[in-house]
């Protein structure tokens, strides 16, 4: 079965850090561009960060620039999102997405809650 599985979400205090992971099963991520999206309650899904298939190009939403870092380990078939200096407005369900040509896969999401 082809799927992406996110992990690493949880409850963290403002200013804290979390590391999200996205693991692929049933296919290899080598040729896929990967993106992290998030969706907060009552809001539309928004792009957070993306990384090219080679890992040589990354982009970030202005709201997370300087605080989040996306990386990939093709040998382990995983993508990570290191989140630091977390704010309450970062609270959302975070999804990873893998795209290559006509293939488009989504994970089930992992909840991140930033609250004191």
N, C-alpha and C. Protein backbone atom coordinates (compact mmCIF):
# COMPACT_ATOMS: atom_id res chain seq x y z
N UNK A 1 0.85 -1.18 0.00
CA UNK A 1 0.00 0.00 0.00
C UNK A 1 0.89 1.24 0.00
N UNK A 2 0.56 2.18 -0.89
CA UNK A 2 1.34 3.40 -1.00
C UNK A 2 0.80 4.42 -0.01
N UNK A 3 1.64 4.87 0.90
CA UNK A 3 1.14 5.83 1.86
C UNK A 3 2.27 6.64 2.48
N UNK A 4 1.85 7.78 3.04
CA UNK A 4 2.73 8.63 3.83
C UNK A 4 2.19 8.64 5.25
N UNK A 5 3.07 8.57 6.22
CA UNK A 5 2.65 8.57 7.61
C UNK A 5 3.45 9.63 8.36
N UNK A 6 2.72 10.62 8.93
CA UNK A 6 3.36 11.65 9.72
C UNK A 6 3.43 11.23 11.18
N UNK A 7 4.41 11.76 11.87
CA UNK A 7 4.54 11.52 13.30
C UNK A 7 5.28 12.70 13.93
N UNK A 8 5.23 12.74 15.26
CA UNK A 8 6.00 13.76 15.96
C UNK A 8 5.19 14.92 16.50
N UNK A 9 3.90 14.95 16.19
CA UNK A 9 3.07 16.03 16.71
C UNK A 9 2.83 15.89 18.20
N UNK A 10 2.24 16.90 18.78
CA UNK A 10 1.95 16.86 20.21
C UNK A 10 1.66 18.23 20.76
N UNK A 11 1.66 18.29 22.08
CA UNK A 11 1.41 19.55 22.79
C UNK A 11 2.75 20.13 23.23
N UNK A 12 2.95 21.39 22.95
CA UNK A 12 4.20 22.05 23.32
C UNK A 12 3.88 23.47 23.78
N UNK A 13 4.69 23.97 24.68
CA UNK A 13 4.50 25.34 25.15
C UNK A 13 5.03 26.35 24.14
N UNK A 14 4.50 27.55 24.15
CA UNK A 14 5.05 28.59 23.28
C UNK A 14 6.55 28.75 23.49
N UNK A 15 7.26 28.88 22.38
CA UNK A 15 8.71 28.95 22.43
C UNK A 15 9.40 27.61 22.33
N UNK A 16 8.64 26.55 22.41
CA UNK A 16 9.21 25.22 22.36
C UNK A 16 9.46 24.74 20.94
N UNK A 17 9.89 23.48 20.86
CA UNK A 17 10.25 22.89 19.57
C UNK A 17 9.60 21.52 19.40
N UNK A 18 9.39 21.16 18.16
CA UNK A 18 8.93 19.84 17.79
C UNK A 18 9.58 19.46 16.47
N UNK A 19 9.74 18.17 16.27
CA UNK A 19 10.25 17.68 15.00
C UNK A 19 9.24 16.71 14.41
N UNK A 20 8.69 17.07 13.28
CA UNK A 20 7.74 16.20 12.58
C UNK A 20 8.49 15.35 11.56
N UNK A 21 8.02 14.14 11.41
CA UNK A 21 8.59 13.24 10.41
C UNK A 21 7.49 12.74 9.50
N UNK A 22 7.87 12.44 8.28
CA UNK A 22 6.94 11.89 7.29
C UNK A 22 7.65 10.72 6.63
N UNK A 23 7.12 9.55 6.81
CA UNK A 23 7.73 8.34 6.26
C UNK A 23 6.88 7.78 5.13
N UNK A 24 7.52 7.38 4.07
CA UNK A 24 6.82 6.79 2.94
C UNK A 24 6.93 5.28 2.99
N UNK A 25 5.85 4.63 2.62
CA UNK A 25 5.88 3.17 2.50
C UNK A 25 5.23 2.79 1.17
N UNK A 26 5.79 1.77 0.54
CA UNK A 26 5.26 1.31 -0.73
C UNK A 26 5.84 2.02 -1.94
N UNK A 27 6.62 3.07 -1.71
CA UNK A 27 7.28 3.78 -2.80
C UNK A 27 8.46 4.55 -2.23
N UNK A 28 9.37 4.95 -3.09
CA UNK A 28 10.53 5.72 -2.64
C UNK A 28 10.34 7.19 -2.98
N UNK A 29 10.85 8.04 -2.11
CA UNK A 29 10.64 9.48 -2.24
C UNK A 29 11.67 10.17 -3.12
N UNK A 30 12.62 9.43 -3.65
CA UNK A 30 13.76 10.03 -4.35
C UNK A 30 13.36 11.08 -5.39
N UNK A 31 12.35 10.80 -6.18
CA UNK A 31 11.99 11.69 -7.28
C UNK A 31 10.89 12.69 -6.91
N UNK A 32 10.45 12.63 -5.68
CA UNK A 32 9.29 13.42 -5.28
C UNK A 32 9.69 14.75 -4.64
N UNK A 33 9.00 15.80 -5.05
CA UNK A 33 9.04 17.05 -4.29
C UNK A 33 8.10 16.88 -3.11
N UNK A 34 8.52 17.38 -1.96
CA UNK A 34 7.76 17.18 -0.73
C UNK A 34 7.37 18.53 -0.15
N UNK A 35 6.16 18.58 0.35
CA UNK A 35 5.71 19.81 1.01
C UNK A 35 5.01 19.46 2.32
N UNK A 36 5.10 20.38 3.24
CA UNK A 36 4.31 20.32 4.47
C UNK A 36 3.23 21.38 4.38
N UNK A 37 2.02 20.98 4.70
CA UNK A 37 0.89 21.88 4.78
C UNK A 37 0.35 21.82 6.21
N UNK A 38 -0.47 22.79 6.55
CA UNK A 38 -1.15 22.73 7.83
C UNK A 38 -2.55 23.32 7.69
N UNK A 39 -3.41 22.88 8.58
CA UNK A 39 -4.77 23.39 8.58
C UNK A 39 -5.22 23.58 10.02
N UNK A 40 -5.51 24.83 10.33
CA UNK A 40 -6.01 25.17 11.66
C UNK A 40 -7.54 25.12 11.64
N UNK A 41 -8.17 24.93 12.79
CA UNK A 41 -9.63 24.88 12.84
C UNK A 41 -10.26 26.12 12.22
N UNK A 42 -11.20 25.90 11.31
CA UNK A 42 -11.90 27.00 10.69
C UNK A 42 -11.14 27.74 9.61
N UNK A 43 -9.95 27.24 9.29
CA UNK A 43 -9.12 27.90 8.28
C UNK A 43 -8.82 26.95 7.13
N UNK A 44 -8.42 27.53 6.02
CA UNK A 44 -8.05 26.72 4.87
C UNK A 44 -6.65 26.14 5.06
N UNK A 45 -6.42 25.03 4.37
CA UNK A 45 -5.09 24.43 4.40
C UNK A 45 -4.10 25.38 3.74
N UNK A 46 -2.92 25.52 4.36
CA UNK A 46 -1.91 26.43 3.82
C UNK A 46 -0.57 25.72 3.72
N UNK A 47 0.21 26.13 2.75
CA UNK A 47 1.54 25.58 2.60
C UNK A 47 2.48 26.15 3.64
N UNK A 48 3.33 25.30 4.19
CA UNK A 48 4.27 25.71 5.22
C UNK A 48 5.69 25.71 4.67
N UNK A 49 6.06 24.63 4.01
CA UNK A 49 7.41 24.51 3.51
C UNK A 49 7.46 23.44 2.44
N UNK A 50 8.45 23.53 1.55
CA UNK A 50 8.61 22.50 0.53
C UNK A 50 10.09 22.31 0.22
N UNK A 51 10.39 21.15 -0.32
CA UNK A 51 11.77 20.81 -0.65
C UNK A 51 11.79 20.03 -1.96
N UNK A 52 12.77 20.33 -2.79
CA UNK A 52 12.88 19.66 -4.08
C UNK A 52 13.32 18.21 -3.91
N UNK A 53 13.22 17.47 -4.98
CA UNK A 53 13.57 16.05 -4.92
C UNK A 53 15.04 15.83 -4.54
N UNK A 54 15.90 16.73 -4.96
CA UNK A 54 17.32 16.62 -4.63
C UNK A 54 17.64 17.16 -3.25
N UNK A 55 16.73 17.93 -2.72
CA UNK A 55 17.00 18.59 -1.44
C UNK A 55 17.75 19.90 -1.59
N UNK A 56 18.05 20.26 -2.83
CA UNK A 56 18.85 21.46 -3.04
C UNK A 56 18.07 22.76 -3.00
N UNK A 57 16.75 22.66 -3.01
CA UNK A 57 15.92 23.87 -3.00
C UNK A 57 14.84 23.73 -1.95
N UNK A 58 14.70 24.75 -1.13
CA UNK A 58 13.66 24.76 -0.10
C UNK A 58 12.94 26.10 -0.12
N UNK A 59 11.70 26.08 0.33
CA UNK A 59 10.93 27.31 0.45
C UNK A 59 10.10 27.25 1.72
N UNK A 60 9.81 28.42 2.25
CA UNK A 60 9.05 28.52 3.50
C UNK A 60 8.01 29.63 3.39
N UNK A 61 6.90 29.41 4.05
CA UNK A 61 5.92 30.48 4.21
C UNK A 61 6.55 31.57 5.07
N UNK A 62 6.17 32.80 4.81
CA UNK A 62 6.73 33.91 5.58
C UNK A 62 6.49 33.74 7.07
N UNK A 63 5.38 33.14 7.42
CA UNK A 63 5.00 33.01 8.82
C UNK A 63 5.92 32.06 9.60
N UNK A 64 6.66 31.19 8.90
CA UNK A 64 7.52 30.22 9.59
C UNK A 64 8.99 30.40 9.25
N UNK A 65 9.28 31.31 8.34
CA UNK A 65 10.66 31.50 7.90
C UNK A 65 11.55 31.85 9.08
N UNK A 66 12.68 31.18 9.16
CA UNK A 66 13.60 31.41 10.26
C UNK A 66 13.31 30.58 11.49
N UNK A 67 12.16 29.93 11.53
CA UNK A 67 11.80 29.11 12.69
C UNK A 67 11.69 27.63 12.33
N UNK A 68 11.31 27.33 11.10
CA UNK A 68 11.12 25.94 10.66
C UNK A 68 12.21 25.58 9.66
N UNK A 69 12.60 24.32 9.68
CA UNK A 69 13.59 23.81 8.73
C UNK A 69 13.12 22.48 8.18
N UNK A 70 13.02 22.40 6.86
CA UNK A 70 12.63 21.16 6.21
C UNK A 70 13.89 20.43 5.73
N UNK A 71 13.87 19.12 5.83
CA UNK A 71 15.01 18.33 5.35
C UNK A 71 14.50 16.98 4.88
N UNK A 72 15.34 16.30 4.14
CA UNK A 72 14.96 14.98 3.65
C UNK A 72 16.15 14.03 3.75
N UNK A 73 15.83 12.77 3.98
CA UNK A 73 16.83 11.72 4.01
C UNK A 73 16.33 10.63 3.07
N UNK A 74 16.76 10.69 1.84
CA UNK A 74 16.27 9.73 0.85
C UNK A 74 16.69 8.31 1.18
N UNK A 75 17.80 8.15 1.87
CA UNK A 75 18.24 6.81 2.24
C UNK A 75 17.27 6.18 3.23
N UNK A 76 16.68 7.01 4.09
CA UNK A 76 15.71 6.51 5.08
C UNK A 76 14.28 6.69 4.59
N UNK A 77 14.15 7.30 3.40
CA UNK A 77 12.80 7.50 2.82
C UNK A 77 11.91 8.34 3.74
N UNK A 78 12.50 9.36 4.34
CA UNK A 78 11.74 10.19 5.26
C UNK A 78 12.01 11.68 5.01
N UNK A 79 11.05 12.47 5.44
CA UNK A 79 11.14 13.93 5.38
C UNK A 79 10.92 14.43 6.80
N UNK A 80 11.61 15.48 7.18
CA UNK A 80 11.44 16.04 8.52
C UNK A 80 11.12 17.52 8.44
N UNK A 81 10.45 17.99 9.47
CA UNK A 81 10.19 19.41 9.62
C UNK A 81 10.55 19.76 11.06
N UNK A 82 11.66 20.45 11.25
CA UNK A 82 12.07 20.91 12.56
C UNK A 82 11.43 22.24 12.82
N UNK A 83 10.66 22.31 13.90
CA UNK A 83 9.92 23.53 14.23
C UNK A 83 10.43 24.07 15.56
N UNK A 84 10.84 25.32 15.54
CA UNK A 84 11.36 25.95 16.75
C UNK A 84 10.61 27.25 17.00
N UNK A 85 10.80 27.78 18.19
CA UNK A 85 10.15 29.05 18.58
C UNK A 85 8.67 29.01 18.23
N UNK A 86 8.03 27.94 18.60
CA UNK A 86 6.63 27.74 18.24
C UNK A 86 5.73 28.76 18.91
N UNK A 87 4.69 29.13 18.16
CA UNK A 87 3.73 30.12 18.61
C UNK A 87 2.34 29.49 18.65
N UNK A 88 1.44 30.04 19.43
CA UNK A 88 0.08 29.49 19.45
C UNK A 88 -0.56 29.44 18.06
N UNK A 89 -0.21 30.39 17.22
CA UNK A 89 -0.79 30.40 15.87
C UNK A 89 -0.23 29.30 14.97
N UNK A 90 0.75 28.55 15.44
CA UNK A 90 1.23 27.39 14.71
C UNK A 90 0.36 26.16 14.96
N UNK A 91 -0.56 26.28 15.87
CA UNK A 91 -1.46 25.16 16.17
C UNK A 91 -2.26 24.78 14.95
N UNK A 92 -2.18 23.52 14.57
CA UNK A 92 -2.86 23.04 13.37
C UNK A 92 -2.60 21.54 13.21
N UNK A 93 -3.30 20.94 12.28
CA UNK A 93 -2.95 19.60 11.82
C UNK A 93 -1.97 19.77 10.67
N UNK A 94 -0.84 19.08 10.77
CA UNK A 94 0.21 19.19 9.77
C UNK A 94 0.21 17.96 8.87
N UNK A 95 0.27 18.20 7.58
CA UNK A 95 0.21 17.14 6.58
C UNK A 95 1.47 17.18 5.70
N UNK A 96 1.96 16.03 5.33
CA UNK A 96 3.01 16.01 4.32
C UNK A 96 2.40 15.54 3.00
N UNK A 97 3.00 16.03 1.93
CA UNK A 97 2.51 15.79 0.58
C UNK A 97 3.69 15.47 -0.33
N UNK A 98 3.56 14.43 -1.12
CA UNK A 98 4.62 14.05 -2.06
C UNK A 98 4.05 14.09 -3.48
N UNK A 99 4.76 14.80 -4.37
CA UNK A 99 4.28 14.95 -5.73
C UNK A 99 5.38 14.63 -6.73
N UNK A 100 5.01 13.86 -7.77
CA UNK A 100 5.92 13.58 -8.89
C UNK A 100 5.07 13.29 -10.11
N UNK A 101 5.14 14.14 -11.10
CA UNK A 101 4.38 14.02 -12.34
C UNK A 101 2.89 13.94 -11.97
N UNK A 102 2.25 12.82 -12.21
CA UNK A 102 0.82 12.71 -11.90
C UNK A 102 0.55 12.05 -10.56
N UNK A 103 1.58 11.71 -9.84
CA UNK A 103 1.41 11.07 -8.53
C UNK A 103 1.36 12.13 -7.44
N UNK A 104 0.41 11.99 -6.57
CA UNK A 104 0.17 12.97 -5.51
C UNK A 104 -0.32 12.22 -4.28
N UNK A 105 0.51 12.17 -3.24
CA UNK A 105 0.16 11.44 -2.03
C UNK A 105 0.10 12.38 -0.84
N UNK A 106 -0.83 12.08 0.06
CA UNK A 106 -1.00 12.85 1.30
C UNK A 106 -0.96 11.90 2.49
N UNK A 107 -0.42 12.39 3.58
CA UNK A 107 -0.49 11.67 4.83
C UNK A 107 -1.79 11.98 5.53
N UNK A 108 -1.99 11.33 6.68
CA UNK A 108 -3.25 11.49 7.41
C UNK A 108 -3.22 12.70 8.34
N UNK A 109 -2.05 13.25 8.55
CA UNK A 109 -1.92 14.43 9.38
C UNK A 109 -1.50 14.11 10.81
N UNK A 110 -0.84 15.08 11.43
CA UNK A 110 -0.46 14.96 12.84
C UNK A 110 -0.76 16.29 13.52
N UNK A 111 -1.35 16.22 14.70
CA UNK A 111 -1.80 17.42 15.40
C UNK A 111 -0.63 18.07 16.15
N UNK A 112 -0.49 19.37 15.95
CA UNK A 112 0.45 20.17 16.72
C UNK A 112 -0.35 21.23 17.47
N UNK A 113 -0.18 21.24 18.77
CA UNK A 113 -0.87 22.21 19.61
C UNK A 113 0.16 22.98 20.42
N UNK A 114 0.14 24.30 20.26
CA UNK A 114 1.07 25.17 20.99
C UNK A 114 0.25 25.96 22.01
N UNK A 115 0.45 25.64 23.26
CA UNK A 115 -0.36 26.26 24.31
C UNK A 115 0.36 26.15 25.64
N UNK A 116 0.11 27.16 26.47
CA UNK A 116 0.67 27.12 27.82
C UNK A 116 -0.34 26.53 28.80
